[in-house]
């Protein structure tokens, strides 16, 4: 060892250099970590474009289909990042599922729903919003669908970035409408359909919130506020799980499995009623055994609702994958068909490779970018426990059934988030009611001052206003962006 190497000052300098290197390495890891998700997403988008090159049978319009496949993959990623939080957020917020467990379940069931039962392209998206024949030529129709796909993806991406769960269906509908107006004027739009969609902005969250609040009231009055909570739970939890099973059986019959078998409303209700009764009978001994030895307090009740909540989240993910994958693949499938056959006025069929892009795109989007919205829906609007989250999941299934019976178009996002708000506002109302009763029973007991009670609100008003604003402007914002993109595309292709 040389004298310089043995010099303590040299060793101190070396330690400082190593410390700087370690700090630099740590800083580099923090800087590069946010780039991992976008990097993987970009690779998936490129793979989607490569798939289009391999599976599209014609050389003419090949680049158009490749670009459309990339846009479809981008849209599917955004659906996974934004929409799936509605199904998994309540279960995660109630601590019935970990974030990793929720993502794993959602990835499996979203993909299964999309691939098994997602082949029914929503004709409303590709054809029902605008009259295809008004486009004139297949080229104009292709550019309109391309603009709709890109505008919807950009809008959902922006909404995810600001932390607002929005309807991906409404985003695509707005995109198609805007491109249709830019291409063929206002007469090309099916305005009665658009009026129904606009009505769903109000109907979906109100109905979801009302049903969720109603079931939370039932749980509180029949179980939580009873002297013997465990005995009450043994009676009511099997009934509630049976209602949930029946609702999901009818929900999946109507919405999730319509590609495999056509089921009308009456048949779906019969299937739901039979399933509900069977599950109710089967759950009686299960709940009785599960409740043995539990203490007579609210914390014990959370155990009894944990498994039903996890199952409901999985079933919601399956139905969501079956239905909302069309938001990514319907415009893409329409572009593929118009590019391949020059036909754009007939029914649209989905090639399997297009469906795979949609299914895996949703899963990748959830895995890479979903936790932000899952945390927001599950814990930042209002505090959820398994009973409250159960009410949200059940309201999602029942609201879709009621809306289908009434013939009303609804948004799964609006229903689920409306259910969360409904639970939160009911808790506020119930807390105020109990304070009033305390004041009447014990007038000398100090009650919270008005300022303190305002601070103790159980629903975050800032999130409420942000989400409400995002819902209201989704269709017009996507429409305006789509019209602008369509104009720019037509100017570029000349």
Protein backbone atom coordinates (compact mmCIF):
# COMPACT_ATOMS: atom_id res chain seq x y z
CA UNK A 1 0.00 0.00 0.00
CA UNK A 2 1.43 3.36 -0.97
CA UNK A 3 1.58 6.27 1.43
CA UNK A 4 -1.15 8.07 -0.53
CA UNK A 5 -3.46 5.06 -0.29
CA UNK A 6 -2.89 4.83 3.44
CA UNK A 7 -3.39 8.52 4.03
CA UNK A 8 -6.55 9.03 6.17
CA UNK A 9 -7.35 12.15 4.18
CA UNK A 10 -7.33 10.09 1.02
CA UNK A 11 -9.68 7.56 2.61
CA UNK A 12 -12.04 10.33 3.68
CA UNK A 13 -12.04 11.68 0.13
CA UNK A 14 -12.77 8.19 -1.17
CA UNK A 15 -15.66 7.79 1.31
CA UNK A 16 -17.12 11.11 0.22
CA UNK A 17 -16.83 10.12 -3.44
CA UNK A 18 -18.52 6.79 -2.75
CA UNK A 19 -21.25 8.58 -0.82
CA UNK A 20 -21.79 10.95 -3.74
CA UNK A 21 -21.95 7.97 -6.09
CA UNK A 22 -24.51 6.25 -3.85
CA UNK A 23 -26.60 9.41 -3.69
CA UNK A 24 -26.37 9.77 -7.46
CA UNK A 25 -27.41 6.15 -7.93
CA UNK A 26 -30.35 6.64 -5.55
CA UNK A 27 -31.41 9.85 -7.31
CA UNK A 28 -31.14 8.13 -10.70
CA UNK A 29 -33.39 5.31 -9.50
CA UNK A 30 -36.04 7.80 -8.31
CA UNK A 31 -35.88 9.69 -11.60
CA UNK A 32 -36.02 6.57 -13.75
CA UNK A 33 -38.77 4.84 -11.76
CA UNK A 34 -41.61 7.03 -13.12
CA UNK A 35 -40.38 6.25 -16.64
CA UNK A 36 -40.76 2.47 -16.26
CA UNK A 37 -44.54 2.51 -16.71
CA UNK A 38 -44.61 4.74 -19.81
CA UNK A 39 -41.71 2.74 -21.24
CA UNK A 40 -43.55 -0.59 -20.89
CA UNK A 41 -46.72 1.03 -22.25
CA UNK A 42 -44.81 2.28 -25.30
CA UNK A 43 -43.45 -1.22 -25.93
CA UNK A 44 -46.99 -2.63 -25.77
CA UNK A 45 -48.24 0.00 -28.23
CA UNK A 46 -45.43 -0.90 -30.63
CA UNK A 47 -46.26 -4.61 -30.27
CA UNK A 48 -49.89 -3.79 -31.12
CA UNK A 49 -48.72 -2.04 -34.30
CA UNK A 50 -46.52 -5.02 -35.15
CA UNK A 51 -49.47 -7.36 -34.64
CA UNK A 52 -51.47 -5.34 -37.14
CA UNK A 53 -48.64 -5.71 -39.67
CA UNK A 54 -48.62 -9.48 -39.16
CA UNK A 55 -52.34 -10.19 -39.11
CA UNK A 56 -53.85 -7.59 -41.46
CA UNK A 57 -54.23 -9.47 -44.72
CA UNK A 58 -53.94 -6.65 -47.24
CA UNK A 59 -51.04 -4.40 -48.16
CA UNK A 60 -53.28 -1.49 -49.12
CA UNK A 61 -54.15 0.73 -46.14
CA UNK A 62 -51.67 -1.27 -44.03
CA UNK A 63 -50.10 1.78 -42.40
CA UNK A 64 -53.55 3.16 -41.55
CA UNK A 65 -54.43 -0.07 -39.74
CA UNK A 66 -51.05 -0.12 -37.97
CA UNK A 67 -51.58 3.44 -36.69
CA UNK A 68 -55.16 2.58 -35.67
CA UNK A 69 -53.91 -0.50 -33.77
CA UNK A 70 -51.43 1.67 -31.88
CA UNK A 71 -54.21 4.14 -31.00
CA UNK A 72 -56.49 1.27 -29.93
CA UNK A 73 -53.75 -0.06 -27.65
CA UNK A 74 -53.25 3.44 -26.21
CA UNK A 75 -56.98 3.71 -25.51
CA UNK A 76 -57.07 0.25 -23.90
CA UNK A 77 -54.20 1.24 -21.60
CA UNK A 78 -56.14 4.31 -20.50
CA UNK A 79 -59.30 2.27 -19.88
CA UNK A 80 -57.30 0.00 -17.57
CA UNK A 81 -55.73 2.97 -15.79
CA UNK A 82 -59.01 4.83 -15.20
CA UNK A 83 -62.07 2.60 -15.46
CA UNK A 84 -60.99 -0.51 -13.55
CA UNK A 85 -60.50 1.52 -10.37
CA UNK A 86 -64.28 1.62 -10.03
CA UNK A 87 -64.41 -2.15 -9.50
CA UNK A 88 -61.36 -2.60 -7.30
CA UNK A 89 -61.25 0.72 -5.42
CA UNK A 90 -63.93 -0.10 -2.81
CA UNK A 91 -62.40 -3.52 -1.98
CA UNK A 92 -58.92 -2.00 -1.60
CA UNK A 93 -60.22 0.96 0.40
CA UNK A 94 -62.02 -1.43 2.76
CA UNK A 95 -58.77 -3.44 3.24
CA UNK A 96 -60.50 -6.56 1.96
CA UNK A 97 -57.83 -6.75 -0.76
CA UNK A 98 -54.27 -5.55 -0.97
CA UNK A 99 -53.29 -3.41 -3.94
CA UNK A 100 -51.31 -6.30 -5.41
CA UNK A 101 -54.15 -8.76 -4.89
CA UNK A 102 -56.67 -6.39 -6.44
CA UNK A 103 -54.50 -5.85 -9.51
CA UNK A 104 -53.92 -9.61 -9.91
CA UNK A 105 -57.63 -10.43 -9.68
CA UNK A 106 -58.60 -7.57 -11.98
CA UNK A 107 -56.00 -8.51 -14.60
CA UNK A 108 -57.26 -12.11 -14.74
CA UNK A 109 -60.98 -11.34 -14.74
CA UNK A 110 -60.80 -8.26 -16.99
CA UNK A 111 -58.88 -10.27 -19.60
CA UNK A 112 -61.23 -13.25 -19.25
CA UNK A 113 -64.30 -11.06 -19.64
CA UNK A 114 -62.88 -9.33 -22.70
CA UNK A 115 -61.75 -12.52 -24.45
CA UNK A 116 -64.64 -14.83 -23.48
CA UNK A 117 -67.61 -12.49 -23.64
CA UNK A 118 -66.36 -9.27 -25.19
CA UNK A 119 -66.92 -10.05 -28.87
CA UNK A 120 -70.12 -8.06 -29.10
CA UNK A 121 -68.96 -4.69 -30.44
CA UNK A 122 -71.17 -1.97 -29.08
CA UNK A 123 -72.93 -0.87 -32.22
CA UNK A 124 -73.89 2.36 -30.49
CA UNK A 125 -70.22 3.35 -30.46
CA UNK A 126 -69.31 2.51 -34.05
CA UNK A 127 -72.65 3.15 -35.75
CA UNK A 128 -75.34 4.44 -33.39
CA UNK A 129 -73.94 7.89 -32.64
CA UNK A 130 -73.52 8.97 -36.25
CA UNK A 131 -75.01 7.76 -39.54
CA UNK A 132 -72.09 6.10 -41.40
CA UNK A 133 -73.68 6.72 -44.79
CA UNK A 134 -73.43 10.46 -44.15
CA UNK A 135 -69.63 10.16 -44.30
CA UNK A 136 -69.67 9.68 -48.05
CA UNK A 137 -66.50 7.62 -48.49
CA UNK A 138 -64.68 4.97 -46.48
CA UNK A 139 -61.65 7.26 -46.16
CA UNK A 140 -63.68 9.95 -44.39
CA UNK A 141 -65.18 7.30 -42.10
CA UNK A 142 -61.72 5.92 -41.27
CA UNK A 143 -60.35 9.37 -40.40
CA UNK A 144 -63.41 10.05 -38.24
CA UNK A 145 -62.93 6.81 -36.26
CA UNK A 146 -59.20 7.55 -35.97
CA UNK A 147 -59.91 11.01 -34.56
CA UNK A 148 -62.51 9.60 -32.17
CA UNK A 149 -60.09 6.98 -30.86
CA UNK A 150 -57.22 9.42 -30.32
CA UNK A 151 -59.35 12.14 -28.73
CA UNK A 152 -61.01 9.70 -26.31
CA UNK A 153 -57.64 8.25 -25.30
CA UNK A 154 -56.13 11.70 -24.74
CA UNK A 155 -59.10 12.82 -22.63
CA UNK A 156 -59.09 9.70 -20.43
CA UNK A 157 -55.32 10.04 -20.05
CA UNK A 158 -55.75 13.64 -18.87
CA UNK A 159 -58.54 12.64 -16.47
CA UNK A 160 -56.36 9.89 -14.98
CA UNK A 161 -53.49 12.35 -14.55
CA UNK A 162 -55.67 14.79 -12.56
CA UNK A 163 -57.22 11.94 -10.56
CA UNK A 164 -60.79 12.01 -11.94
CA UNK A 165 -62.57 8.73 -12.75
CA UNK A 166 -64.54 9.41 -15.95
CA UNK A 167 -66.68 7.31 -18.24
CA UNK A 168 -64.59 5.84 -21.06
CA UNK A 169 -67.83 5.07 -22.90
CA UNK A 170 -68.82 8.74 -22.80
CA UNK A 171 -65.32 9.68 -23.94
CA UNK A 172 -65.57 7.48 -27.04
CA UNK A 173 -69.14 8.62 -27.70
CA UNK A 174 -68.03 12.24 -27.54
CA UNK A 175 -65.12 11.48 -29.86
CA UNK A 176 -67.34 9.82 -32.45
CA UNK A 177 -69.89 12.64 -32.24
CA UNK A 178 -67.27 15.38 -32.66
CA UNK A 179 -65.64 13.70 -35.65
CA UNK A 180 -69.04 13.05 -37.19
CA UNK A 181 -70.05 16.70 -36.88
CA UNK A 182 -66.73 17.84 -38.36
CA UNK A 183 -67.09 15.38 -41.25
CA UNK A 184 -70.78 15.62 -42.13
CA UNK A 185 -72.44 18.31 -40.02
CA UNK A 186 -74.86 18.21 -37.12
CA UNK A 187 -77.43 16.24 -39.12
CA UNK A 188 -75.13 13.17 -39.04
CA UNK A 189 -75.56 12.79 -35.26
CA UNK A 190 -78.27 10.60 -33.73
CA UNK A 191 -79.50 13.22 -31.29
CA UNK A 192 -82.11 11.04 -29.47
CA UNK A 193 -79.29 8.63 -28.57
CA UNK A 194 -77.14 11.52 -27.40
CA UNK A 195 -80.03 12.83 -25.28
CA UNK A 196 -80.27 9.45 -23.56
CA UNK A 197 -76.53 9.46 -22.89
CA UNK A 198 -76.74 12.98 -21.47
CA UNK A 199 -79.58 11.84 -19.19
CA UNK A 200 -77.35 9.05 -17.87
CA UNK A 201 -74.94 11.69 -16.51
CA UNK A 202 -77.57 12.38 -13.86
CA UNK A 203 -79.38 9.04 -13.64
CA UNK A 204 -76.33 6.76 -13.21
CA UNK A 205 -74.72 8.34 -10.13
CA UNK A 206 -78.03 9.20 -8.46
CA UNK A 207 -79.39 5.67 -8.88
CA UNK A 208 -76.10 4.09 -7.80
CA UNK A 209 -75.81 6.36 -4.78
CA UNK A 210 -79.44 5.84 -3.74
CA UNK A 211 -79.21 2.04 -3.88
CA UNK A 212 -75.87 2.00 -2.03
CA UNK A 213 -77.24 4.30 0.69
CA UNK A 214 -80.38 2.18 1.01
CA UNK A 215 -78.39 -1.01 1.65
CA UNK A 216 -76.08 0.77 4.10
CA UNK A 217 -79.16 1.91 6.00
CA UNK A 218 -80.39 -1.70 6.03
CA UNK A 219 -77.06 -2.98 7.38
CA UNK A 220 -76.89 -0.28 10.06
CA UNK A 221 -80.49 -0.65 11.23
CA UNK A 222 -80.63 -4.46 11.16
CA UNK A 223 -77.08 -5.41 12.22
CA UNK A 224 -74.76 -2.60 13.40
CA UNK A 225 -77.21 -0.84 15.76
CA UNK A 226 -78.51 -4.08 17.30
CA UNK A 227 -77.54 -5.12 20.82
CA UNK A 228 -76.50 -8.60 19.66
CA UNK A 229 -74.69 -7.81 16.40
CA UNK A 230 -73.45 -11.36 15.79
CA UNK A 231 -76.93 -12.90 16.10
CA UNK A 232 -78.32 -10.24 13.75
CA UNK A 233 -75.47 -10.90 11.31
CA UNK A 234 -76.22 -14.63 11.27
CA UNK A 235 -79.72 -13.80 10.05
CA UNK A 236 -79.02 -10.94 7.66
CA UNK A 237 -75.58 -11.60 6.13
CA UNK A 238 -76.74 -14.77 4.28
CA UNK A 239 -79.72 -12.78 2.95
CA UNK A 240 -77.47 -9.93 1.82
CA UNK A 241 -74.98 -12.31 0.19
CA UNK A 242 -77.90 -14.05 -1.53
CA UNK A 243 -79.13 -10.69 -2.85
CA UNK A 244 -75.63 -9.96 -4.10
CA UNK A 245 -75.35 -13.37 -5.79
CA UNK A 246 -78.74 -12.95 -7.45
CA UNK A 247 -77.91 -9.44 -8.60
CA UNK A 248 -74.59 -10.50 -10.12
CA UNK A 249 -76.10 -13.57 -11.77
CA UNK A 250 -78.68 -11.36 -13.47
CA UNK A 251 -76.04 -8.69 -14.20
CA UNK A 252 -73.67 -11.15 -15.88
CA UNK A 253 -76.55 -12.79 -17.76
CA UNK A 254 -77.60 -9.41 -19.17
CA UNK A 255 -74.29 -7.68 -19.70
CA UNK A 256 -71.35 -10.02 -19.36
CA UNK A 257 -72.35 -13.13 -21.31
CA UNK A 258 -74.48 -11.71 -24.10
CA UNK A 259 -71.92 -12.70 -26.73
CA UNK A 260 -72.07 -16.36 -25.68
CA UNK A 261 -75.83 -16.61 -25.29
CA UNK A 262 -78.70 -14.16 -25.79
CA UNK A 263 -80.73 -13.71 -22.60
CA UNK A 264 -83.76 -11.46 -22.22
CA UNK A 265 -84.62 -9.48 -19.10
CA UNK A 266 -87.20 -11.96 -17.73
CA UNK A 267 -84.84 -14.93 -18.12
CA UNK A 268 -82.02 -12.97 -16.48
CA UNK A 269 -84.25 -12.13 -13.50
CA UNK A 270 -85.28 -15.78 -13.13
CA UNK A 271 -81.62 -16.84 -13.21
CA UNK A 272 -80.81 -14.15 -10.65
CA UNK A 273 -83.66 -15.15 -8.32
CA UNK A 274 -82.74 -18.85 -8.44
CA UNK A 275 -79.06 -18.11 -7.86
CA UNK A 276 -79.86 -15.78 -4.97
CA UNK A 277 -82.03 -18.35 -3.17
CA UNK A 278 -79.43 -21.12 -3.58
CA UNK A 279 -76.58 -18.93 -2.30
CA UNK A 280 -78.72 -17.68 0.61
CA UNK A 281 -79.43 -21.27 1.73
CA UNK A 282 -75.79 -22.30 1.26
CA UNK A 283 -74.45 -19.31 3.21
CA UNK A 284 -76.52 -19.89 6.38
CA UNK A 285 -74.24 -22.65 7.81
CA UNK A 286 -71.12 -20.90 6.44
CA UNK A 287 -71.85 -17.62 8.23
CA UNK A 288 -72.88 -19.46 11.39
CA UNK A 289 -69.56 -21.30 11.48
CA UNK A 290 -67.57 -18.19 10.51
CA UNK A 291 -69.18 -16.13 13.28
CA UNK A 292 -68.40 -18.58 16.07
CA UNK A 293 -66.24 -16.98 18.74
CA UNK A 294 -66.48 -13.45 17.28
CA UNK A 295 -66.80 -10.56 19.72
CA UNK A 296 -69.98 -8.52 19.71
CA UNK A 297 -68.55 -5.42 18.01
CA UNK A 298 -68.44 -3.79 14.57
CA UNK A 299 -64.90 -4.96 13.83
CA UNK A 300 -66.10 -8.57 13.89
CA UNK A 301 -68.70 -7.84 11.23
CA UNK A 302 -66.00 -6.84 8.73
CA UNK A 303 -64.77 -10.43 8.66
CA UNK A 304 -68.15 -11.70 7.49
CA UNK A 305 -68.27 -9.29 4.52
CA UNK A 306 -64.67 -9.77 3.36
CA UNK A 307 -65.03 -12.78 1.03
CA UNK A 308 -68.33 -11.61 -0.58
CA UNK A 309 -66.65 -8.28 -1.32
CA UNK A 310 -63.66 -9.93 -3.02
CA UNK A 311 -65.96 -12.13 -5.12
CA UNK A 312 -68.06 -9.12 -6.12
CA UNK A 313 -64.94 -7.22 -7.23
CA UNK A 314 -63.89 -10.17 -9.42
CA UNK A 315 -67.36 -10.46 -11.01
CA UNK A 316 -67.51 -6.72 -11.65
CA UNK A 317 -64.13 -6.93 -13.37
CA UNK A 318 -65.31 -9.77 -15.60
CA UNK A 319 -68.43 -7.87 -16.65
CA UNK A 320 -66.42 -4.68 -17.15
CA UNK A 321 -63.91 -6.47 -19.38
CA UNK A 322 -66.74 -7.96 -21.42
CA UNK A 323 -68.43 -4.62 -21.97
CA UNK A 324 -65.92 -1.78 -21.87
CA UNK A 325 -63.26 -3.44 -24.02
CA UNK A 326 -65.47 -2.29 -26.89
CA UNK A 327 -64.56 1.31 -26.09
CA UNK A 328 -61.06 0.55 -27.38
CA UNK A 329 -61.75 -2.05 -30.06
CA UNK A 330 -65.03 -0.88 -31.62
CA UNK A 331 -63.54 2.09 -33.50
CA UNK A 332 -60.43 0.01 -34.28
CA UNK A 333 -62.54 -2.86 -35.65
CA UNK A 334 -64.55 -0.40 -37.74
CA UNK A 335 -61.30 1.00 -39.20
CA UNK A 336 -59.98 -2.51 -39.97
CA UNK A 337 -63.21 -3.49 -41.71
CA UNK A 338 -63.45 -0.27 -43.74
CA UNK A 339 -59.77 -0.58 -44.73
CA UNK A 340 -60.15 -4.21 -45.73
CA UNK A 341 -63.45 -4.25 -47.62
CA UNK A 342 -64.29 -0.55 -48.24
CA UNK A 343 -67.58 -1.34 -46.46
CA UNK A 344 -68.41 0.90 -43.52
CA UNK A 345 -72.20 0.96 -43.32
CA UNK A 346 -72.86 -2.67 -42.34
CA UNK A 347 -72.36 -4.59 -39.09
CA UNK A 348 -68.86 -4.59 -37.66
CA UNK A 349 -67.06 -7.83 -36.77
CA UNK A 350 -64.00 -7.99 -34.53
CA UNK A 351 -60.88 -9.94 -35.59
CA UNK A 352 -59.44 -11.94 -32.70
CA UNK A 353 -56.13 -10.07 -32.77
CA UNK A 354 -58.02 -6.80 -32.28
CA UNK A 355 -59.79 -8.23 -29.22
CA UNK A 356 -56.46 -9.42 -27.79
CA UNK A 357 -55.07 -5.88 -28.08
CA UNK A 358 -58.05 -4.55 -26.14
CA UNK A 359 -57.98 -7.26 -23.46
CA UNK A 360 -54.26 -7.10 -22.74
CA UNK A 361 -54.19 -3.31 -23.05
CA UNK A 362 -56.75 -2.96 -20.26
CA UNK A 363 -54.72 -5.35 -18.08
CA UNK A 364 -51.43 -3.56 -18.76
CA UNK A 365 -53.03 -0.17 -18.10
CA UNK A 366 -54.39 -1.37 -14.77
CA UNK A 367 -51.08 -2.92 -13.75
CA UNK A 368 -48.95 0.07 -14.73
CA UNK A 369 -51.15 3.07 -13.91
CA UNK A 370 -54.22 1.81 -12.01
CA UNK A 371 -53.14 2.24 -8.35
CA UNK A 372 -53.58 6.04 -8.40
CA UNK A 373 -57.28 5.92 -9.23
CA UNK A 374 -57.84 2.80 -7.10
CA UNK A 375 -56.59 4.71 -4.04
CA UNK A 376 -58.69 7.74 -4.92
CA UNK A 377 -61.96 5.80 -5.37
CA UNK A 378 -61.25 3.47 -2.47
CA UNK A 379 -60.10 5.87 0.21
CA UNK A 380 -59.95 9.53 -0.75
CA UNK A 381 -63.64 10.26 -1.41
CA UNK A 382 -64.91 8.77 1.85
CA UNK A 383 -63.65 6.15 4.30
CA UNK A 384 -64.81 2.67 3.35
CA UNK A 385 -65.03 -0.56 5.32
CA UNK A 386 -66.20 -3.97 4.03
CA UNK A 387 -69.88 -3.22 4.76
CA UNK A 388 -69.83 0.12 2.93
CA UNK A 389 -67.80 -1.27 0.04
CA UNK A 390 -70.22 -4.18 -0.22
CA UNK A 391 -73.06 -1.68 -0.63
CA UNK A 392 -71.16 0.05 -3.47
CA UNK A 393 -70.53 -3.24 -5.30
CA UNK A 394 -74.12 -4.37 -4.90
CA UNK A 395 -75.48 -1.03 -6.10
CA UNK A 396 -73.39 -1.33 -9.29
CA UNK A 397 -75.05 -4.63 -10.23
CA UNK A 398 -78.58 -3.59 -9.23
CA UNK A 399 -78.37 -0.21 -10.97
CA UNK A 400 -77.41 -1.81 -14.28
CA UNK A 401 -80.37 -4.21 -13.99
CA UNK A 402 -82.82 -1.42 -13.17
CA UNK A 403 -81.45 0.79 -15.96
CA UNK A 404 -81.66 -2.06 -18.49
CA UNK A 405 -85.25 -2.69 -17.45
CA UNK A 406 -86.07 1.00 -17.93
CA UNK A 407 -84.10 1.16 -21.19
CA UNK A 408 -81.73 3.84 -19.89
CA UNK A 409 -78.08 4.05 -20.99
CA UNK A 410 -75.82 4.19 -17.94
CA UNK A 411 -72.11 4.44 -17.17
CA UNK A 412 -70.45 1.85 -14.93
CA UNK A 413 -68.02 4.54 -13.78
CA UNK A 414 -70.78 6.92 -12.78
CA UNK A 415 -72.66 4.13 -10.98
CA UNK A 416 -69.69 2.94 -8.93
CA UNK A 417 -68.42 6.41 -7.99
CA UNK A 418 -72.00 7.52 -7.35
CA UNK A 419 -72.31 4.55 -4.98
CA UNK A 420 -69.22 5.71 -3.08
CA UNK A 421 -70.65 9.22 -2.79
CA UNK A 422 -74.03 7.80 -1.76
CA UNK A 423 -72.43 5.84 1.08
CA UNK A 424 -70.46 8.90 2.19
CA UNK A 425 -73.40 11.31 2.15
CA UNK A 426 -75.59 8.78 3.96
CA UNK A 427 -72.94 8.53 6.69
CA UNK A 428 -73.00 12.32 7.03
CA UNK A 429 -76.79 12.35 7.25
CA UNK A 430 -76.80 9.50 9.76
CA UNK A 431 -74.15 11.21 11.92
CA UNK A 432 -76.17 14.46 11.94
CA UNK A 433 -79.31 12.53 12.84
CA UNK A 434 -77.59 10.84 15.77
CA UNK A 435 -76.22 14.21 17.00
CA UNK A 436 -79.75 15.68 16.93
CA UNK A 437 -81.07 12.71 18.92
CA UNK A 438 -78.26 13.14 21.46
CA UNK A 439 -79.10 16.81 21.82
CA UNK A 440 -82.76 15.98 22.46
CA UNK A 441 -81.94 13.20 24.92
CA UNK A 442 -79.10 15.05 26.73
CA UNK A 443 -79.50 18.81 26.18
CA UNK A 444 -76.68 19.62 28.65
CA UNK A 445 -74.09 17.50 26.83
CA UNK A 446 -71.68 19.59 24.66
CA UNK A 447 -72.18 19.15 20.92
CA UNK A 448 -69.68 19.94 18.20
CA UNK A 449 -69.66 23.58 17.13
CA UNK A 450 -70.79 24.29 13.53
CA UNK A 451 -67.20 24.93 12.43
CA UNK A 452 -66.03 21.65 13.93
CA UNK A 453 -68.91 19.77 12.32
CA UNK A 454 -68.03 21.24 8.94
CA UNK A 455 -64.48 19.98 9.38
CA UNK A 456 -65.82 16.53 10.21
CA UNK A 457 -67.62 16.11 6.88
CA UNK A 458 -67.29 12.52 5.72
CA UNK A 459 -67.13 13.23 1.96
CA UNK A 460 -64.30 15.31 0.52
CA UNK A 461 -65.97 18.20 -1.29
CA UNK A 462 -62.92 18.91 -3.44
CA UNK A 463 -63.03 15.43 -4.98
CA UNK A 464 -66.79 15.73 -5.42
CA UNK A 465 -66.51 18.94 -7.43
CA UNK A 466 -63.53 17.71 -9.49
CA UNK A 467 -65.27 14.48 -10.48
CA UNK A 468 -68.59 16.23 -11.16
CA UNK A 469 -66.88 18.76 -13.44
CA UNK A 470 -65.03 16.00 -15.29
CA UNK A 471 -68.27 14.09 -15.86
CA UNK A 472 -70.12 17.11 -17.20
CA UNK A 473 -67.45 18.12 -19.70
CA UNK A 474 -66.35 14.63 -20.85
CA UNK A 475 -68.60 14.38 -23.93
CA UNK A 476 -68.18 18.00 -25.14
CA UNK A 477 -64.43 17.99 -24.39
CA UNK A 478 -63.85 14.73 -26.26
CA UNK A 479 -66.09 15.94 -29.08
CA UNK A 480 -64.25 19.25 -29.50
CA UNK A 481 -60.86 17.54 -29.38
CA UNK A 482 -62.00 14.93 -31.90
CA UNK A 483 -63.33 17.54 -34.31
CA UNK A 484 -60.00 19.40 -34.15
CA UNK A 485 -58.02 16.20 -34.74
CA UNK A 486 -60.27 15.24 -37.68
CA UNK A 487 -59.73 18.65 -39.32
CA UNK A 488 -55.97 18.36 -38.83
CA UNK A 489 -55.93 14.84 -40.30
CA UNK A 490 -57.93 15.84 -43.37
CA UNK A 491 -55.65 18.85 -43.92
CA UNK A 492 -52.58 16.62 -43.58
CA UNK A 493 -53.79 13.96 -46.03
CA UNK A 494 -55.04 16.69 -48.35
